[in-house]
Amino acid sequence: MTSEKTLGKKILALVGGENNIQGISRCATRLRMLLKNEQIASNNKSAIEDLNGVISVVENGGQFQVIIGPAVANVYDELLEGTSLGKENTEENTHEKNQHGLISNFLDIVAGIFTPLLPLLAGSGVLRGIVLLLT
């Protein structure tokens, strides 16, 4: 298997390098990146998916997400090593966060709450329709 350091550097190169990344974070299984030029990463999506250690790639909500699995913490740490990425206190990041505004943040929260409920609501609507047809 590709070492985490090699995997992190390969992913960094394929998404356009450090200068193409506005922000980077991780969760339990994914690297999440906000990119300045998403087209570079989109063009290299299949090359990223072909890397040994990468499970899949998802483009979701303006984020470019690389699904790695439980090794993501090591890949993330190695990717940040030697770069200026992940330093949240920079003036540019602060300015960008302020531009989003309260309304955008509120809508993000509401969307995050209701998106997982959509299948449940759709299913209950279909079930209610079936019950009405049978009565």
N, C-alpha and C. Protein backbone atom coordinates (compact mmCIF):
# COMPACT_ATOMS: atom_id res chain seq x y z
N MET A 1 0.84 -1.18 0.00
CA MET A 1 0.00 0.00 0.00
C MET A 1 0.88 1.24 0.00
N THR A 2 0.43 2.28 -0.68
CA THR A 2 1.16 3.53 -0.73
C THR A 2 1.25 4.12 0.67
N SER A 3 2.42 4.62 1.04
CA SER A 3 2.54 5.21 2.36
C SER A 3 1.68 6.47 2.44
N GLU A 4 1.27 6.82 3.66
CA GLU A 4 0.40 7.97 3.84
C GLU A 4 1.07 9.25 3.34
N LYS A 5 2.39 9.38 3.54
CA LYS A 5 3.10 10.58 3.11
C LYS A 5 3.08 10.69 1.59
N THR A 6 3.37 9.59 0.93
CA THR A 6 3.35 9.58 -0.53
C THR A 6 1.94 9.84 -1.05
N LEU A 7 0.94 9.22 -0.42
CA LEU A 7 -0.44 9.40 -0.84
C LEU A 7 -0.86 10.86 -0.68
N GLY A 8 -0.54 11.45 0.46
CA GLY A 8 -0.89 12.85 0.70
C GLY A 8 -0.27 13.78 -0.32
N LYS A 9 1.00 13.58 -0.63
CA LYS A 9 1.69 14.44 -1.59
C LYS A 9 1.14 14.24 -3.00
N LYS A 10 0.77 13.00 -3.35
CA LYS A 10 0.20 12.75 -4.67
C LYS A 10 -1.16 13.42 -4.81
N ILE A 11 -1.98 13.33 -3.75
CA ILE A 11 -3.29 13.98 -3.78
C ILE A 11 -3.10 15.49 -3.90
N LEU A 12 -2.17 16.04 -3.13
CA LEU A 12 -1.90 17.48 -3.17
C LEU A 12 -1.52 17.92 -4.58
N ALA A 13 -0.67 17.15 -5.24
CA ALA A 13 -0.25 17.50 -6.61
C ALA A 13 -1.42 17.41 -7.59
N LEU A 14 -2.26 16.39 -7.44
CA LEU A 14 -3.35 16.17 -8.40
C LEU A 14 -4.50 17.16 -8.26
N VAL A 15 -4.65 17.77 -7.09
CA VAL A 15 -5.70 18.79 -6.93
C VAL A 15 -5.21 20.18 -7.30
N GLY A 16 -3.96 20.29 -7.71
CA GLY A 16 -3.45 21.58 -8.16
C GLY A 16 -2.43 22.21 -7.24
N GLY A 17 -2.01 21.49 -6.23
CA GLY A 17 -0.98 21.99 -5.33
C GLY A 17 -1.53 22.86 -4.22
N GLU A 18 -0.62 23.26 -3.35
CA GLU A 18 -0.98 24.05 -2.17
C GLU A 18 -1.66 25.36 -2.54
N ASN A 19 -1.25 25.98 -3.64
CA ASN A 19 -1.81 27.27 -4.04
C ASN A 19 -3.25 27.18 -4.53
N ASN A 20 -3.73 25.99 -4.85
CA ASN A 20 -5.10 25.81 -5.32
C ASN A 20 -6.07 25.48 -4.19
N ILE A 21 -5.58 25.32 -2.98
CA ILE A 21 -6.44 24.92 -1.86
C ILE A 21 -6.73 26.13 -0.98
N GLN A 22 -8.03 26.47 -0.86
CA GLN A 22 -8.44 27.56 0.02
C GLN A 22 -8.51 27.09 1.47
N GLY A 23 -9.01 25.90 1.65
CA GLY A 23 -9.15 25.35 2.99
C GLY A 23 -9.15 23.84 2.94
N ILE A 24 -8.67 23.23 4.01
CA ILE A 24 -8.63 21.77 4.06
C ILE A 24 -8.98 21.32 5.47
N SER A 25 -9.75 20.25 5.54
CA SER A 25 -10.09 19.66 6.83
C SER A 25 -10.29 18.17 6.60
N ARG A 26 -10.60 17.47 7.66
CA ARG A 26 -10.85 16.04 7.54
C ARG A 26 -11.93 15.64 8.52
N CYS A 27 -12.56 14.52 8.22
CA CYS A 27 -13.46 13.89 9.18
C CYS A 27 -12.91 12.50 9.44
N ALA A 28 -13.72 11.57 9.83
CA ALA A 28 -13.23 10.24 10.20
C ALA A 28 -12.69 9.46 9.01
N THR A 29 -13.20 9.73 7.80
CA THR A 29 -12.79 8.94 6.64
C THR A 29 -12.42 9.76 5.42
N ARG A 30 -12.61 11.08 5.46
CA ARG A 30 -12.45 11.90 4.25
C ARG A 30 -11.53 13.09 4.45
N LEU A 31 -10.81 13.42 3.39
CA LEU A 31 -10.14 14.72 3.28
C LEU A 31 -11.12 15.65 2.59
N ARG A 32 -11.37 16.80 3.16
CA ARG A 32 -12.32 17.75 2.57
C ARG A 32 -11.55 19.01 2.19
N MET A 33 -11.64 19.38 0.91
CA MET A 33 -10.89 20.53 0.42
C MET A 33 -11.80 21.51 -0.30
N LEU A 34 -11.62 22.79 0.00
CA LEU A 34 -12.23 23.87 -0.76
C LEU A 34 -11.16 24.36 -1.72
N LEU A 35 -11.46 24.29 -3.01
CA LEU A 35 -10.46 24.60 -4.02
C LEU A 35 -10.75 25.93 -4.70
N LYS A 36 -9.70 26.63 -5.08
CA LYS A 36 -9.85 27.87 -5.83
C LYS A 36 -10.28 27.57 -7.26
N ASN A 37 -9.67 26.56 -7.88
CA ASN A 37 -10.00 26.15 -9.24
C ASN A 37 -10.40 24.67 -9.20
N GLU A 38 -11.70 24.41 -9.12
CA GLU A 38 -12.19 23.04 -8.99
C GLU A 38 -11.96 22.22 -10.26
N GLN A 39 -11.79 22.89 -11.39
CA GLN A 39 -11.63 22.19 -12.67
C GLN A 39 -10.38 21.32 -12.69
N ILE A 40 -9.30 21.79 -12.05
CA ILE A 40 -8.05 21.01 -12.02
C ILE A 40 -8.29 19.66 -11.36
N ALA A 41 -8.93 19.69 -10.19
CA ALA A 41 -9.19 18.45 -9.47
C ALA A 41 -10.21 17.58 -10.21
N SER A 42 -11.21 18.20 -10.82
CA SER A 42 -12.21 17.44 -11.57
C SER A 42 -11.57 16.70 -12.74
N ASN A 43 -10.63 17.36 -13.40
CA ASN A 43 -9.93 16.72 -14.52
C ASN A 43 -9.08 15.53 -14.06
N ASN A 44 -8.59 15.59 -12.83
CA ASN A 44 -7.73 14.53 -12.29
C ASN A 44 -8.48 13.56 -11.38
N LYS A 45 -9.81 13.63 -11.38
CA LYS A 45 -10.61 12.81 -10.46
C LYS A 45 -10.31 11.32 -10.62
N SER A 46 -10.26 10.83 -11.84
CA SER A 46 -10.01 9.40 -12.04
C SER A 46 -8.60 9.01 -11.61
N ALA A 47 -7.63 9.91 -11.81
CA ALA A 47 -6.26 9.63 -11.38
C ALA A 47 -6.18 9.55 -9.86
N ILE A 48 -6.94 10.40 -9.17
CA ILE A 48 -6.96 10.37 -7.71
C ILE A 48 -7.62 9.08 -7.23
N GLU A 49 -8.73 8.70 -7.87
CA GLU A 49 -9.42 7.46 -7.48
C GLU A 49 -8.55 6.23 -7.71
N ASP A 50 -7.65 6.30 -8.69
CA ASP A 50 -6.77 5.16 -8.99
C ASP A 50 -5.61 5.02 -8.02
N LEU A 51 -5.37 6.04 -7.18
CA LEU A 51 -4.27 5.95 -6.22
C LEU A 51 -4.54 4.84 -5.21
N ASN A 52 -3.52 4.08 -4.90
CA ASN A 52 -3.64 3.02 -3.91
C ASN A 52 -3.85 3.66 -2.53
N GLY A 53 -4.95 3.34 -1.89
CA GLY A 53 -5.28 3.92 -0.60
C GLY A 53 -6.49 4.84 -0.67
N VAL A 54 -6.88 5.26 -1.88
CA VAL A 54 -8.06 6.11 -2.05
C VAL A 54 -9.24 5.21 -2.40
N ILE A 55 -10.32 5.35 -1.64
CA ILE A 55 -11.52 4.54 -1.87
C ILE A 55 -12.37 5.16 -2.97
N SER A 56 -12.59 6.47 -2.87
CA SER A 56 -13.45 7.16 -3.83
C SER A 56 -13.21 8.66 -3.74
N VAL A 57 -13.78 9.40 -4.69
CA VAL A 57 -13.72 10.86 -4.69
C VAL A 57 -15.14 11.37 -4.89
N VAL A 58 -15.52 12.37 -4.08
CA VAL A 58 -16.86 12.95 -4.16
C VAL A 58 -16.73 14.46 -4.25
N GLU A 59 -17.50 15.06 -5.15
CA GLU A 59 -17.60 16.51 -5.21
C GLU A 59 -18.97 16.86 -4.67
N ASN A 60 -19.00 17.56 -3.51
CA ASN A 60 -20.26 17.78 -2.82
C ASN A 60 -20.27 19.14 -2.16
N GLY A 61 -21.26 19.95 -2.47
CA GLY A 61 -21.45 21.22 -1.80
C GLY A 61 -20.25 22.15 -1.90
N GLY A 62 -19.59 22.17 -3.05
CA GLY A 62 -18.43 23.02 -3.22
C GLY A 62 -17.16 22.45 -2.63
N GLN A 63 -17.26 21.27 -2.06
CA GLN A 63 -16.08 20.62 -1.49
C GLN A 63 -15.63 19.49 -2.41
N PHE A 64 -14.33 19.29 -2.44
CA PHE A 64 -13.74 18.15 -3.13
C PHE A 64 -13.32 17.20 -2.02
N GLN A 65 -13.97 16.04 -1.94
CA GLN A 65 -13.75 15.11 -0.84
C GLN A 65 -13.08 13.84 -1.35
N VAL A 66 -11.97 13.49 -0.72
CA VAL A 66 -11.26 12.26 -1.05
C VAL A 66 -11.50 11.27 0.08
N ILE A 67 -12.18 10.17 -0.22
CA ILE A 67 -12.50 9.17 0.80
C ILE A 67 -11.33 8.20 0.90
N ILE A 68 -10.72 8.17 2.09
CA ILE A 68 -9.53 7.36 2.31
C ILE A 68 -9.79 6.24 3.30
N GLY A 69 -10.66 6.47 4.26
CA GLY A 69 -10.91 5.48 5.29
C GLY A 69 -10.21 5.87 6.58
N PRO A 70 -9.98 4.91 7.47
CA PRO A 70 -9.42 5.22 8.78
C PRO A 70 -8.00 5.78 8.75
N ALA A 71 -7.29 5.63 7.67
CA ALA A 71 -5.92 6.16 7.58
C ALA A 71 -5.90 7.65 7.25
N VAL A 72 -7.08 8.28 7.17
CA VAL A 72 -7.15 9.68 6.75
C VAL A 72 -6.39 10.61 7.69
N ALA A 73 -6.36 10.30 8.98
CA ALA A 73 -5.65 11.18 9.93
C ALA A 73 -4.17 11.24 9.60
N ASN A 74 -3.57 10.10 9.29
CA ASN A 74 -2.15 10.08 8.94
C ASN A 74 -1.89 10.79 7.62
N VAL A 75 -2.76 10.57 6.63
CA VAL A 75 -2.60 11.22 5.33
C VAL A 75 -2.73 12.73 5.49
N TYR A 76 -3.72 13.16 6.28
CA TYR A 76 -3.94 14.59 6.52
C TYR A 76 -2.73 15.24 7.18
N ASP A 77 -2.21 14.60 8.22
CA ASP A 77 -1.04 15.15 8.92
C ASP A 77 0.17 15.23 8.00
N GLU A 78 0.40 14.20 7.22
CA GLU A 78 1.54 14.19 6.31
C GLU A 78 1.36 15.19 5.17
N LEU A 79 0.12 15.37 4.72
CA LEU A 79 -0.15 16.34 3.67
C LEU A 79 0.13 17.76 4.15
N LEU A 80 -0.24 18.05 5.39
CA LEU A 80 -0.03 19.39 5.94
C LEU A 80 1.44 19.68 6.24
N GLU A 81 2.20 18.63 6.50
CA GLU A 81 3.61 18.80 6.86
C GLU A 81 4.37 19.47 5.71
N GLY A 82 5.03 20.55 6.03
CA GLY A 82 5.83 21.26 5.02
C GLY A 82 5.02 22.22 4.17
N THR A 83 3.74 22.43 4.50
CA THR A 83 2.92 23.38 3.76
C THR A 83 2.36 24.41 4.73
N SER A 84 1.75 25.45 4.19
CA SER A 84 1.10 26.44 5.04
C SER A 84 -0.38 26.14 5.18
N LEU A 85 -0.82 24.98 4.70
CA LEU A 85 -2.22 24.60 4.79
C LEU A 85 -2.59 24.26 6.23
N GLY A 86 -3.88 24.46 6.55
CA GLY A 86 -4.37 24.10 7.86
C GLY A 86 -4.17 25.17 8.92
N LYS A 87 -3.54 26.26 8.56
CA LYS A 87 -3.33 27.35 9.50
C LYS A 87 -4.52 28.30 9.36
N GLU A 88 -5.47 28.16 10.27
CA GLU A 88 -6.75 28.84 10.15
C GLU A 88 -6.71 30.33 10.50
N ASN A 89 -5.65 30.81 11.08
CA ASN A 89 -5.62 32.18 11.54
C ASN A 89 -5.07 33.17 10.52
N THR A 90 -4.97 32.77 9.27
CA THR A 90 -4.45 33.68 8.27
C THR A 90 -5.48 34.75 7.94
N GLU A 91 -5.02 35.88 7.51
CA GLU A 91 -5.90 37.00 7.20
C GLU A 91 -6.85 36.66 6.05
N GLU A 92 -6.37 35.92 5.05
CA GLU A 92 -7.21 35.57 3.90
C GLU A 92 -8.37 34.68 4.32
N ASN A 93 -8.12 33.68 5.17
CA ASN A 93 -9.18 32.79 5.63
C ASN A 93 -10.20 33.54 6.47
N THR A 94 -9.75 34.46 7.32
CA THR A 94 -10.65 35.24 8.15
C THR A 94 -11.54 36.10 7.28
N HIS A 95 -10.97 36.72 6.25
CA HIS A 95 -11.73 37.57 5.34
C HIS A 95 -12.79 36.74 4.61
N GLU A 96 -12.44 35.56 4.15
CA GLU A 96 -13.39 34.71 3.43
C GLU A 96 -14.52 34.25 4.34
N LYS A 97 -14.22 33.95 5.59
CA LYS A 97 -15.27 33.52 6.52
C LYS A 97 -16.25 34.65 6.76
N ASN A 98 -15.76 35.90 6.84
CA ASN A 98 -16.63 37.04 7.07
C ASN A 98 -17.52 37.32 5.87
N GLN A 99 -17.10 36.98 4.68
CA GLN A 99 -17.88 37.23 3.48
C GLN A 99 -19.12 36.34 3.40
N HIS A 100 -19.09 35.19 4.00
CA HIS A 100 -20.22 34.28 3.91
C HIS A 100 -21.47 34.86 4.57
N GLY A 101 -21.34 35.53 5.67
CA GLY A 101 -22.46 36.19 6.30
C GLY A 101 -23.35 35.26 7.10
N LEU A 102 -24.24 35.89 7.84
CA LEU A 102 -25.15 35.16 8.72
C LEU A 102 -26.18 34.35 7.95
N ILE A 103 -26.72 34.91 6.88
CA ILE A 103 -27.76 34.21 6.13
C ILE A 103 -27.20 32.94 5.51
N SER A 104 -26.03 33.02 4.94
CA SER A 104 -25.41 31.84 4.34
C SER A 104 -25.14 30.77 5.38
N ASN A 105 -24.63 31.17 6.54
CA ASN A 105 -24.38 30.21 7.62
C ASN A 105 -25.68 29.57 8.11
N PHE A 106 -26.73 30.38 8.23
CA PHE A 106 -28.02 29.86 8.65
C PHE A 106 -28.55 28.84 7.65
N LEU A 107 -28.46 29.17 6.36
CA LEU A 107 -28.93 28.24 5.32
C LEU A 107 -28.12 26.95 5.30
N ASP A 108 -26.82 27.05 5.56
CA ASP A 108 -25.99 25.85 5.64
C ASP A 108 -26.43 24.95 6.78
N ILE A 109 -26.76 25.55 7.91
CA ILE A 109 -27.21 24.78 9.08
C ILE A 109 -28.55 24.10 8.78
N VAL A 110 -29.49 24.86 8.21
CA VAL A 110 -30.81 24.30 7.89
C VAL A 110 -30.67 23.16 6.88
N ALA A 111 -29.85 23.36 5.85
CA ALA A 111 -29.65 22.31 4.84
C ALA A 111 -29.02 21.08 5.47
N GLY A 112 -28.08 21.28 6.39
CA GLY A 112 -27.43 20.16 7.06
C GLY A 112 -28.39 19.37 7.93
N ILE A 113 -29.38 20.04 8.48
CA ILE A 113 -30.36 19.37 9.34
C ILE A 113 -31.37 18.58 8.50
N PHE A 114 -31.88 19.20 7.43
CA PHE A 114 -32.98 18.58 6.70
C PHE A 114 -32.56 17.63 5.59
N THR A 115 -31.34 17.73 5.11
CA THR A 115 -30.91 16.83 4.03
C THR A 115 -31.00 15.36 4.42
N PRO A 116 -30.57 14.95 5.62
CA PRO A 116 -30.71 13.53 5.97
C PRO A 116 -32.16 13.09 6.16
N LEU A 117 -33.07 14.05 6.37
CA LEU A 117 -34.47 13.70 6.59
C LEU A 117 -35.27 13.54 5.29
N LEU A 118 -34.73 13.99 4.16
CA LEU A 118 -35.48 13.94 2.91
C LEU A 118 -35.94 12.54 2.51
N PRO A 119 -35.11 11.52 2.59
CA PRO A 119 -35.61 10.17 2.25
C PRO A 119 -36.75 9.72 3.16
N LEU A 120 -36.67 10.06 4.43
CA LEU A 120 -37.73 9.70 5.37
C LEU A 120 -39.04 10.40 5.01
N LEU A 121 -38.97 11.69 4.70
CA LEU A 121 -40.16 12.43 4.32
C LEU A 121 -40.75 11.92 3.01
N ALA A 122 -39.91 11.62 2.05
CA ALA A 122 -40.40 11.09 0.77
C ALA A 122 -41.05 9.72 0.97
N GLY A 123 -40.43 8.88 1.76
CA GLY A 123 -40.98 7.55 2.03
C GLY A 123 -42.31 7.62 2.74
N SER A 124 -42.44 8.52 3.71
CA SER A 124 -43.71 8.64 4.43
C SER A 124 -44.79 9.19 3.51
N GLY A 125 -44.43 10.06 2.58
CA GLY A 125 -45.41 10.57 1.62
C GLY A 125 -45.91 9.48 0.69
N VAL A 126 -45.01 8.64 0.22
CA VAL A 126 -45.41 7.52 -0.64
C VAL A 126 -46.29 6.56 0.14
N LEU A 127 -45.92 6.26 1.37
CA LEU A 127 -46.71 5.36 2.21
C LEU A 127 -48.11 5.92 2.46
N ARG A 128 -48.19 7.22 2.70
CA ARG A 128 -49.49 7.85 2.93
C ARG A 128 -50.35 7.78 1.67
N GLY A 129 -49.72 7.96 0.51
CA GLY A 129 -50.45 7.85 -0.75
C GLY A 129 -50.99 6.45 -0.97
N ILE A 130 -50.20 5.45 -0.65
CA ILE A 130 -50.65 4.06 -0.79
C ILE A 130 -51.82 3.78 0.15
N VAL A 131 -51.74 4.27 1.38
CA VAL A 131 -52.83 4.07 2.35
C VAL A 131 -54.10 4.73 1.84
N LEU A 132 -53.99 5.94 1.27
CA LEU A 132 -55.17 6.62 0.74
C LEU A 132 -55.78 5.87 -0.44
N LEU A 133 -54.94 5.27 -1.27
CA LEU A 133 -55.45 4.50 -2.40
C LEU A 133 -56.17 3.23 -1.95
N LEU A 134 -55.69 2.62 -0.89
CA LEU A 134 -56.28 1.37 -0.42
C LEU A 134 -57.53 1.56 0.42
N THR A 135 -57.81 2.78 0.87
CA THR A 135 -59.01 3.00 1.69
C THR A 135 -60.14 3.58 0.90
